[in-house]
Amino acid sequence: MAKSWANSAAVTGSDLHLDLSGPGSKRAVLTAALREAIRAGRLQPGTRLPPYRSLAADLGLARNTVAAAYAELIAEGWLTARQGSGTRVAHRVEPRRASRPARRPQRPEPVHHLRQGQPDRSSFPRTAWSASARRALNAAPSEAFGPGDPHGRPELRRALADYLARARGVRAEPERIVICSGFAHALELLFGGVLRGPLAVESYGLPFHRELLVEAGVRTIPLGLDEHGARTDELDSRMRAALLTPAHQFPTGGPLHPERRAAAVDWARSSGGLVLEDDYDGEFRYDREPVGAVQGLDPERVIYLGSVSKSLSPAVRLGWMVLPEHLVDEVLAVKGLRERWASVLDQLALADFVESGHYDRHVRRMRQRYRHRRDQLVAALAEHAPHITATGIAAGLHAVLRLRPGTEQAIVAAAAERGVAVEGLDDFRHPDASKSAADGVVVGYATPPEHGYAAALDALITALR
């Protein structure tokens, strides 16, 4: 009885299933099976088939049977054979596709990605990171390759404690730092059994974070925003915690006024609440030195949250929580299972990357690059679209372009027609919040690679005009 599987991965790169159960001679059945595999698209044009001797051995058929089937399909035009290249599926063959209902014309896929939230992928410091990874791997103690510690590697917690104190004014001992896989993971841990709602949030923010909180059963109450940041005077006794972006409000772009920073801490002290400080891009301030973290005002009432998703890459799934002392054990208990821990090898590599000074150098380099990109954006607007201005402070990886009232959706659509992906400011508004910001688009000027930024900016300006 002939087999139905051809295990020829060494030649074709994958296994091949052929149905050889039909009536007729073995040659006819094999020919029909190969023809059907090509029609169905399981054998794509250009795919190299195994030598007939290998396929015969895999299927339990005579070599002459397989050779004859190949010859017939070559004659019919299904296959091609060339000396030194083997037998391949002919490029003229069009695989059969399932019929689909007619669809309305769609906009073209974006050519220029100017969505917020992503650093320039081409800027990842591969050489320096590889060197840190090698050093960390060679220096790692044997116990590092065991189950690990939900607290996070001590090497990384020590490195972060020093860095955050120096660069962000955070008051942190390594024992207060818990390593996680990023900001979203931190929210899951905090609201997975440690904190309860209602949670005050800024009226404009990332929808993904709100959805995550809703799934956790957390009610969110929006705080108003104005030119001084979140309206911390709206904090009251109903709220158990407040999630803020003090250094650079996301996405509107302003810093939290010093009096409101102090007011948030005073509220937490008087109410027994907590402030969650999302310091998502605090290192990237271009018009002055970065403002220190709110956490420095009261480490027992502020949870400081950070990650490397903006400063380094979202591919490095590492973040951290600097916790009040009384919350550390509770968070570790929620973290629990080992499968939710961040990679130990990545933690060791990041620890070396920070301690060796590579992280500081990378941040300085990217600060200069992103500042130049923002300056290019502002200059292009002034020259070609003076009716549109970039709002907020010179900081971060994105800017909000203020538009004339009623034009936001039209501008987003016009950009999409020109292959430019941007987002409207209203997409970030809390569903229970009234519209407090003017029409605008959020432009992630950090996202394109360096060689593609000029073209992306030209296409954006064309849409804005």
Protein backbone atom coordinates (compact mmCIF):
# COMPACT_ATOMS: atom_id res chain seq x y z
CA MET A 1 0.00 0.00 0.00
CA ALA A 2 1.41 3.38 -1.02
CA LYS A 3 2.09 5.95 1.66
CA SER A 4 0.59 9.45 1.58
CA TRP A 5 3.38 11.54 3.17
CA ALA A 6 6.55 12.67 1.43
CA ASN A 7 9.13 13.60 4.08
CA SER A 8 11.50 15.57 1.87
CA ALA A 9 12.28 18.59 4.02
CA ALA A 10 15.97 18.44 3.20
CA VAL A 11 15.15 19.15 -0.43
CA THR A 12 11.90 21.12 -0.51
CA GLY A 13 11.97 22.70 2.95
CA SER A 14 8.69 21.06 4.08
CA ASP A 15 6.72 17.84 4.19
CA LEU A 16 4.24 17.08 1.42
CA HIS A 17 0.93 15.24 1.78
CA LEU A 18 -0.44 13.54 -1.32
CA ASP A 19 -3.74 11.67 -1.48
CA LEU A 20 -2.97 8.41 -3.28
CA SER A 21 -6.26 6.67 -2.50
CA GLY A 22 -7.97 7.25 -5.84
CA PRO A 23 -8.74 4.61 -8.49
CA GLY A 24 -6.44 3.80 -11.38
CA SER A 25 -2.80 2.92 -11.80
CA LYS A 26 -0.21 4.13 -9.29
CA ARG A 27 1.23 6.45 -11.91
CA ALA A 28 -2.20 7.96 -12.71
CA VAL A 29 -3.06 8.40 -9.03
CA LEU A 30 0.30 10.08 -8.28
CA THR A 31 0.00 12.35 -11.33
CA ALA A 32 -3.51 13.42 -10.29
CA ALA A 33 -2.39 13.99 -6.67
CA LEU A 34 0.51 16.23 -7.73
CA ARG A 35 -1.70 18.11 -10.15
CA GLU A 36 -4.28 18.73 -7.41
CA ALA A 37 -1.60 19.87 -4.94
CA ILE A 38 -0.49 22.46 -7.49
CA ARG A 39 -4.04 23.57 -8.29
CA ALA A 40 -4.88 23.97 -4.60
CA GLY A 41 -1.78 26.07 -3.98
CA ARG A 42 -0.13 23.60 -1.60
CA LEU A 43 2.69 23.48 -4.12
CA GLN A 44 3.34 27.10 -5.09
CA PRO A 45 4.89 28.22 -8.40
CA GLY A 46 8.66 27.89 -8.19
CA THR A 47 8.56 25.21 -5.48
CA ARG A 48 11.26 22.61 -5.97
CA LEU A 49 10.03 19.02 -5.87
CA PRO A 50 12.15 16.23 -4.39
CA PRO A 51 14.17 14.06 -6.78
CA TYR A 52 12.03 11.23 -8.09
CA ARG A 53 14.19 8.67 -6.24
CA SER A 54 13.53 10.42 -2.90
CA LEU A 55 9.81 10.79 -3.54
CA ALA A 56 9.58 7.15 -4.59
CA ALA A 57 11.26 6.05 -1.36
CA ASP A 58 9.00 8.28 0.76
CA LEU A 59 5.81 7.05 -0.92
CA GLY A 60 6.80 3.42 -1.30
CA LEU A 61 6.49 3.55 -5.08
CA ALA A 62 8.74 2.35 -7.88
CA ARG A 63 11.21 4.92 -9.19
CA ASN A 64 9.93 4.50 -12.75
CA THR A 65 6.39 5.28 -11.57
CA VAL A 66 7.44 8.63 -10.08
CA ALA A 67 9.73 9.47 -13.02
CA ALA A 68 6.86 8.82 -15.44
CA ALA A 69 4.48 11.02 -13.42
CA TYR A 70 7.03 13.86 -13.41
CA ALA A 71 7.53 13.48 -17.18
CA GLU A 72 3.77 13.65 -17.84
CA LEU A 73 3.36 16.81 -15.74
CA ILE A 74 6.35 18.43 -17.45
CA ALA A 75 4.80 17.69 -20.80
CA GLU A 76 1.49 19.20 -19.67
CA GLY A 77 3.22 22.36 -18.44
CA TRP A 78 2.59 21.84 -14.72
CA LEU A 79 6.27 21.29 -13.95
CA THR A 80 9.58 22.42 -15.40
CA ALA A 81 12.90 20.61 -15.28
CA ARG A 82 16.30 22.18 -15.78
CA GLN A 83 19.77 20.73 -15.32
CA GLY A 84 21.17 21.78 -11.95
CA SER A 85 17.89 23.30 -10.79
CA GLY A 86 15.81 20.16 -10.36
CA THR A 87 12.10 19.78 -11.00
CA ARG A 88 9.93 22.75 -10.00
CA VAL A 89 6.34 23.86 -10.23
CA ALA A 90 5.95 26.01 -13.33
CA HIS A 91 5.55 29.77 -12.75
CA ARG A 92 2.76 30.01 -15.31
CA VAL A 93 0.52 27.85 -13.11
CA GLU A 94 -2.10 29.87 -11.23
CA PRO A 95 -3.20 28.13 -7.99
CA ARG A 96 -6.92 27.82 -7.45
CA ARG A 97 -8.32 30.32 -4.98
CA ALA A 98 -11.55 30.06 -3.07
CA SER A 99 -14.22 32.34 -4.46
CA ARG A 100 -14.93 35.37 -2.32
CA PRO A 101 -17.86 37.75 -2.33
CA ALA A 102 -17.27 41.05 -4.06
CA ARG A 103 -15.76 43.66 -1.78
CA ARG A 104 -15.74 47.41 -1.89
CA PRO A 105 -12.47 48.97 -3.06
CA GLN A 106 -10.07 49.41 -0.19
CA ARG A 107 -7.51 52.09 0.45
CA PRO A 108 -3.97 51.14 -0.46
CA GLU A 109 -1.72 49.69 2.22
CA PRO A 110 0.33 52.39 3.91
CA VAL A 111 3.68 53.15 2.36
CA HIS A 112 4.69 55.57 5.09
CA HIS A 113 4.02 54.62 8.69
CA LEU A 114 3.67 57.66 10.91
CA ARG A 115 1.66 56.03 13.67
CA GLN A 116 2.68 56.86 17.21
CA GLY A 117 4.28 54.53 19.70
CA GLN A 118 7.19 52.98 17.86
CA PRO A 119 10.86 53.92 17.70
CA ASP A 120 12.85 53.70 14.49
CA ARG A 121 13.31 49.93 14.09
CA SER A 122 16.41 50.35 11.97
CA SER A 123 18.13 52.19 14.83
CA PHE A 124 18.32 49.22 17.18
CA PRO A 125 21.94 49.03 18.45
CA ARG A 126 22.61 45.49 17.25
CA THR A 127 26.37 45.48 17.73
CA ALA A 128 26.29 46.91 21.26
CA TRP A 129 23.36 44.70 22.27
CA SER A 130 25.10 41.60 20.92
CA ALA A 131 28.24 42.49 22.89
CA SER A 132 26.20 42.93 26.07
CA ALA A 133 24.37 39.67 25.48
CA ARG A 134 27.67 37.78 25.03
CA ARG A 135 29.25 39.32 28.11
CA ALA A 136 26.15 38.67 30.19
CA LEU A 137 25.93 35.08 29.01
CA ASN A 138 29.58 34.39 29.78
CA ALA A 139 29.38 36.00 33.22
CA ALA A 140 26.01 34.53 34.24
CA PRO A 141 26.11 32.22 37.28
CA SER A 142 24.77 28.71 36.81
CA GLU A 143 21.72 29.46 38.96
CA ALA A 144 20.60 32.01 36.35
CA PHE A 145 19.63 29.10 34.10
CA GLY A 146 17.20 27.70 36.66
CA PRO A 147 13.53 28.61 37.23
CA GLY A 148 14.41 32.17 38.23
CA ASP A 149 12.80 34.73 40.51
CA PRO A 150 9.52 36.58 39.88
CA HIS A 151 11.21 39.66 41.36
CA GLY A 152 13.53 39.79 38.34
CA ARG A 153 17.27 39.29 38.08
CA PRO A 154 19.17 41.17 40.80
CA GLU A 155 21.71 42.37 38.22
CA LEU A 156 19.01 44.22 36.29
CA ARG A 157 17.28 45.58 39.38
CA ARG A 158 20.57 47.02 40.65
CA ALA A 159 21.36 48.55 37.25
CA LEU A 160 17.89 50.08 36.99
CA ALA A 161 17.97 51.47 40.53
CA ASP A 162 21.17 53.37 39.71
CA TYR A 163 20.01 54.50 36.27
CA LEU A 164 16.54 55.66 37.33
CA ALA A 165 17.92 57.60 40.28
CA ARG A 166 20.47 59.34 38.06
CA ALA A 167 18.39 59.94 34.92
CA ARG A 168 14.81 60.26 36.20
CA GLY A 169 15.10 61.26 39.86
CA VAL A 170 13.41 58.05 41.01
CA ARG A 171 13.96 56.97 44.61
CA ALA A 172 14.34 53.23 44.31
CA GLU A 173 16.14 50.40 46.01
CA PRO A 174 16.54 47.18 44.00
CA GLU A 175 14.19 45.42 46.43
CA ARG A 176 11.33 47.73 45.38
CA ILE A 177 11.75 47.02 41.66
CA VAL A 178 9.77 44.21 40.04
CA ILE A 179 10.62 43.29 36.45
CA CYS A 180 7.75 42.71 34.03
CA SER A 181 7.24 42.38 30.27
CA GLY A 182 6.15 45.96 29.67
CA PHE A 183 3.58 48.53 30.71
CA ALA A 184 0.53 46.44 29.76
CA HIS A 185 1.87 43.51 31.78
CA ALA A 186 2.39 45.86 34.74
CA LEU A 187 -1.27 46.93 34.56
CA GLU A 188 -2.38 43.29 34.43
CA LEU A 189 -0.34 42.49 37.53
CA LEU A 190 -1.43 45.56 39.49
CA PHE A 191 -5.12 45.11 38.74
CA GLY A 192 -5.01 41.32 38.86
CA GLY A 193 -5.53 41.29 42.61
CA VAL A 194 -3.48 44.12 44.14
CA LEU A 195 -5.35 47.33 43.25
CA ARG A 196 -9.04 48.01 42.75
CA GLY A 197 -10.94 50.68 40.92
CA PRO A 198 -12.36 53.12 40.23
CA LEU A 199 -9.23 54.39 38.49
CA ALA A 200 -8.86 58.00 37.38
CA VAL A 201 -7.32 58.30 33.92
CA GLU A 202 -6.54 61.19 31.63
CA SER A 203 -9.36 61.93 29.20
CA TYR A 204 -7.05 61.23 26.27
CA GLY A 205 -4.92 58.09 26.35
CA LEU A 206 -4.14 54.79 24.65
CA PRO A 207 -7.36 52.82 23.95
CA PHE A 208 -5.53 49.51 24.38
CA HIS A 209 -4.79 50.31 28.01
CA ARG A 210 -8.41 51.24 28.69
CA GLU A 211 -9.59 48.01 27.07
CA LEU A 212 -7.18 46.02 29.19
CA LEU A 213 -8.53 47.67 32.33
CA VAL A 214 -12.14 47.05 31.27
CA GLU A 215 -11.34 43.36 30.80
CA ALA A 216 -9.97 43.34 34.35
CA GLY A 217 -13.26 44.76 35.60
CA VAL A 218 -11.79 48.17 36.44
CA ARG A 219 -14.00 51.23 36.06
CA THR A 220 -12.12 54.23 34.67
CA ILE A 221 -13.11 57.84 35.31
CA PRO A 222 -11.69 60.46 32.91
CA LEU A 223 -9.96 63.58 34.20
CA GLY A 224 -10.16 66.73 32.11
CA LEU A 225 -7.11 68.04 30.25
CA ASP A 226 -6.01 71.62 29.57
CA GLU A 227 -2.78 73.45 28.79
CA HIS A 228 -1.39 72.48 32.22
CA GLY A 229 -2.06 68.76 31.82
CA ALA A 230 -4.50 66.56 33.72
CA ARG A 231 -7.02 68.31 35.96
CA THR A 232 -5.81 66.79 39.22
CA ASP A 233 -8.27 69.03 41.08
CA GLU A 234 -10.95 66.60 39.83
CA LEU A 235 -9.48 63.76 41.90
CA ASP A 236 -11.87 62.80 44.70
CA SER A 237 -12.66 60.12 47.25
CA ARG A 238 -14.44 57.88 44.72
CA MET A 239 -11.13 57.07 43.06
CA ARG A 240 -8.70 54.53 44.45
CA ALA A 241 -5.82 55.35 42.10
CA ALA A 242 -4.91 57.72 39.28
CA LEU A 243 -3.00 56.83 36.11
CA LEU A 244 -1.04 59.83 34.78
CA THR A 245 1.61 60.63 32.16
CA PRO A 246 3.24 63.61 33.92
CA ALA A 247 6.42 64.09 31.89
CA HIS A 248 4.66 64.20 28.49
CA GLN A 249 0.90 63.72 28.38
CA PHE A 250 -0.07 61.04 25.92
CA PRO A 251 -1.05 61.94 23.30
CA THR A 252 -1.70 65.71 23.59
CA GLY A 253 1.94 66.41 24.45
CA GLY A 254 1.99 68.76 27.45
CA PRO A 255 3.75 68.25 30.81
CA LEU A 256 1.87 68.16 34.10
CA HIS A 257 2.19 71.56 35.81
CA PRO A 258 4.33 71.47 39.01
CA GLU A 259 1.37 72.50 41.17
CA ARG A 260 -0.72 69.67 39.73
CA ARG A 261 2.08 67.17 40.29
CA ALA A 262 2.11 68.17 43.94
CA ALA A 263 -1.70 68.12 44.06
CA ALA A 264 -1.80 64.53 42.80
CA VAL A 265 0.58 63.41 45.56
CA ASP A 266 -1.39 65.36 48.18
CA TRP A 267 -4.59 63.66 47.03
CA ALA A 268 -2.97 60.23 47.30
CA ARG A 269 -1.73 60.98 50.83
CA SER A 270 -5.03 62.33 52.10
CA SER A 271 -7.25 59.70 50.47
CA GLY A 272 -5.02 56.66 50.87
CA GLY A 273 -4.91 56.36 47.09
CA LEU A 274 -2.03 55.76 44.70
CA VAL A 275 -0.64 57.55 41.67
CA LEU A 276 0.50 55.34 38.78
CA GLU A 277 3.16 57.25 36.86
CA ASP A 278 3.53 56.11 33.25
CA ASP A 279 6.97 57.43 32.26
CA TYR A 280 6.76 56.07 28.73
CA ASP A 281 9.17 58.51 27.02
CA GLY A 282 10.56 60.61 29.86
CA GLU A 283 14.15 60.51 28.56
CA PHE A 284 13.22 62.30 25.33
CA ARG A 285 12.93 66.02 26.12
CA TYR A 286 14.48 68.34 23.50
CA ASP A 287 13.92 71.90 24.69
CA ARG A 288 15.44 71.42 28.14
CA GLU A 289 16.65 68.73 30.54
CA PRO A 290 14.01 66.08 31.27
CA VAL A 291 11.82 66.79 34.29
CA GLY A 292 12.28 64.32 37.13
CA ALA A 293 9.66 61.72 38.00
CA VAL A 294 6.72 62.47 40.30
CA GLN A 295 7.68 59.33 42.23
CA GLY A 296 10.54 61.25 43.82
CA LEU A 297 7.98 63.32 45.76
CA ASP A 298 6.58 60.29 47.61
CA PRO A 299 7.78 56.74 46.85
CA GLU A 300 5.11 55.27 49.15
CA ARG A 301 2.23 56.86 47.23
CA VAL A 302 3.50 56.71 43.63
CA ILE A 303 4.07 53.58 41.52
CA TYR A 304 6.62 54.33 38.84
CA LEU A 305 6.20 52.37 35.57
CA GLY A 306 8.69 52.23 32.72
CA SER A 307 9.97 50.07 29.89
CA VAL A 308 12.39 50.04 26.95
CA SER A 309 9.66 49.88 24.29
CA LYS A 310 10.21 53.54 23.25
CA SER A 311 13.84 54.05 24.21
CA LEU A 312 15.16 50.81 22.73
CA SER A 313 12.61 48.53 21.05
CA PRO A 314 9.22 46.92 21.77
CA ALA A 315 10.89 43.65 20.70
CA VAL A 316 12.80 43.68 24.00
CA ARG A 317 9.88 42.73 26.20
CA LEU A 318 11.14 44.27 29.42
CA GLY A 319 9.61 46.80 31.78
CA TRP A 320 9.69 47.60 35.47
CA MET A 321 7.59 48.71 38.39
CA VAL A 322 9.10 50.72 41.24
CA LEU A 323 6.66 49.93 44.02
CA PRO A 324 5.83 51.23 47.47
CA GLU A 325 7.39 48.83 49.95
CA HIS A 326 4.05 47.49 51.18
CA LEU A 327 2.98 46.39 47.67
CA VAL A 328 6.04 44.38 46.63
CA ASP A 329 4.99 41.03 48.11
CA GLU A 330 1.41 41.41 46.85
CA VAL A 331 2.57 42.02 43.28
CA LEU A 332 4.97 39.08 43.42
CA ALA A 333 2.14 36.84 44.65
CA VAL A 334 -0.01 37.88 41.67
CA LYS A 335 2.88 37.40 39.25
CA GLY A 336 3.05 33.80 40.35
CA LEU A 337 3.58 31.32 37.54
CA ARG A 338 6.95 31.15 35.85
CA GLU A 339 5.46 31.40 32.37
CA ARG A 340 4.65 35.06 33.05
CA TRP A 341 8.24 36.02 33.84
CA ALA A 342 10.44 37.97 31.46
CA SER A 343 13.37 36.18 29.81
CA VAL A 344 16.32 35.87 32.18
CA LEU A 345 18.81 36.13 29.32
CA ASP A 346 17.25 39.38 28.11
CA GLN A 347 17.31 40.73 31.66
CA LEU A 348 21.01 39.94 31.98
CA ALA A 349 21.75 41.51 28.59
CA LEU A 350 19.86 44.69 29.50
CA ALA A 351 21.66 44.90 32.84
CA ASP A 352 25.01 44.85 31.05
CA PHE A 353 23.72 47.26 28.39
CA VAL A 354 22.83 49.78 31.09
CA GLU A 355 25.91 49.30 33.28
CA SER A 356 28.32 49.49 30.34
CA GLY A 357 26.97 52.92 29.35
CA HIS A 358 25.57 51.69 26.03
CA TYR A 359 22.01 52.53 27.06
CA ASP A 360 22.91 56.15 27.87
CA ARG A 361 24.78 56.52 24.59
CA HIS A 362 21.90 55.04 22.62
CA VAL A 363 19.36 57.35 24.28
CA ARG A 364 21.54 60.40 23.59
CA ARG A 365 21.94 59.39 19.96
CA MET A 366 18.22 58.82 19.49
CA ARG A 367 17.39 62.05 21.34
CA GLN A 368 19.41 63.96 18.74
CA ARG A 369 17.84 62.03 15.87
CA TYR A 370 14.25 62.48 17.03
CA ARG A 371 14.82 66.14 17.86
CA HIS A 372 16.06 66.67 14.29
CA ARG A 373 13.02 64.87 12.90
CA ARG A 374 10.63 66.98 14.95
CA ASP A 375 12.45 70.13 13.80
CA GLN A 376 12.07 68.96 10.19
CA LEU A 377 8.35 68.45 10.73
CA VAL A 378 7.89 71.90 12.26
CA ALA A 379 9.92 73.56 9.48
CA ALA A 380 7.96 71.76 6.75
CA LEU A 381 4.67 72.86 8.29
CA ALA A 382 5.83 76.47 8.54
CA GLU A 383 6.87 76.50 4.86
CA HIS A 384 4.15 74.45 3.19
CA ALA A 385 1.17 74.32 5.59
CA PRO A 386 1.39 77.37 7.87
CA HIS A 387 -2.25 76.99 8.89
CA ILE A 388 -1.28 73.86 10.83
CA THR A 389 0.92 73.87 13.94
CA ALA A 390 2.60 71.21 16.08
CA THR A 391 1.37 71.47 19.65
CA GLY A 392 2.82 70.32 22.96
CA ILE A 393 6.39 70.47 24.18
CA ALA A 394 9.38 69.41 22.10
CA ALA A 395 9.62 65.89 23.47
CA GLY A 396 8.90 62.24 22.83
CA LEU A 397 8.41 60.28 19.64
CA HIS A 398 5.23 61.93 18.36
CA ALA A 399 3.61 65.31 17.82
CA VAL A 400 0.00 66.45 17.59
CA LEU A 401 -0.79 68.68 14.63
CA ARG A 402 -3.64 71.08 15.40
CA LEU A 403 -6.19 71.29 12.58
CA ARG A 404 -9.07 73.51 11.68
CA PRO A 405 -12.33 72.42 13.37
CA GLY A 406 -14.15 69.64 11.56
CA THR A 407 -11.23 68.57 9.36
CA GLU A 408 -9.68 65.76 11.42
CA GLN A 409 -11.28 62.76 9.72
CA ALA A 410 -10.88 64.28 6.27
CA ILE A 411 -7.15 64.78 6.86
CA VAL A 412 -6.70 61.21 8.14
CA ALA A 413 -8.54 59.93 5.05
CA ALA A 414 -6.51 62.14 2.70
CA ALA A 415 -3.30 60.86 4.26
CA ALA A 416 -4.45 57.26 3.85
CA GLU A 417 -5.18 57.88 0.16
CA ARG A 418 -1.55 58.95 -0.21
CA GLY A 419 -0.25 55.90 1.63
CA VAL A 420 0.42 57.70 4.93
CA ALA A 421 -0.74 56.08 8.16
CA VAL A 422 -1.60 58.60 10.90
CA GLU A 423 -4.23 58.65 13.63
CA GLY A 424 -6.83 61.22 14.55
CA LEU A 425 -6.63 62.73 18.01
CA ASP A 426 -10.24 61.83 18.75
CA ASP A 427 -9.33 58.13 18.45
CA PHE A 428 -7.61 58.47 21.84
CA ARG A 429 -10.47 60.17 23.71
CA HIS A 430 -12.05 58.31 26.62
CA PRO A 431 -15.60 57.27 25.66
CA ASP A 432 -17.02 59.03 28.74
CA ALA A 433 -15.06 62.25 28.24
CA SER A 434 -16.28 65.34 26.47
CA LYS A 435 -14.13 66.61 23.64
CA SER A 436 -11.64 68.99 25.25
CA ALA A 437 -8.90 69.07 22.62
CA ALA A 438 -9.05 70.69 19.20
CA ASP A 439 -9.09 68.60 16.04
CA GLY A 440 -5.70 67.10 15.33
CA VAL A 441 -3.66 64.22 13.97
CA VAL A 442 -1.05 62.31 15.95
CA VAL A 443 2.17 61.95 13.93
CA GLY A 444 4.75 59.40 15.02
CA TYR A 445 7.85 60.99 13.52
CA ALA A 446 10.12 58.37 15.10
CA THR A 447 8.57 55.40 13.31
CA PRO A 448 10.03 55.52 9.75
CA PRO A 449 13.60 54.40 9.12
CA GLU A 450 16.09 57.21 8.69
CA HIS A 451 16.26 56.81 4.91
CA GLY A 452 12.46 56.92 4.58
CA TYR A 453 11.59 59.89 6.78
CA ALA A 454 11.94 62.61 4.15
CA ALA A 455 9.56 60.84 1.75
CA ALA A 456 7.08 60.17 4.57
CA LEU A 457 7.18 63.84 5.56
CA ASP A 458 6.64 64.98 1.97
CA ALA A 459 3.63 62.69 1.60
CA LEU A 460 2.18 63.93 4.88
CA ILE A 461 2.57 67.58 3.90
CA THR A 462 0.85 66.87 0.57
CA ALA A 463 -2.13 65.40 2.45
CA LEU A 464 -2.25 68.33 4.87
CA ARG A 465 -2.27 70.85 2.04
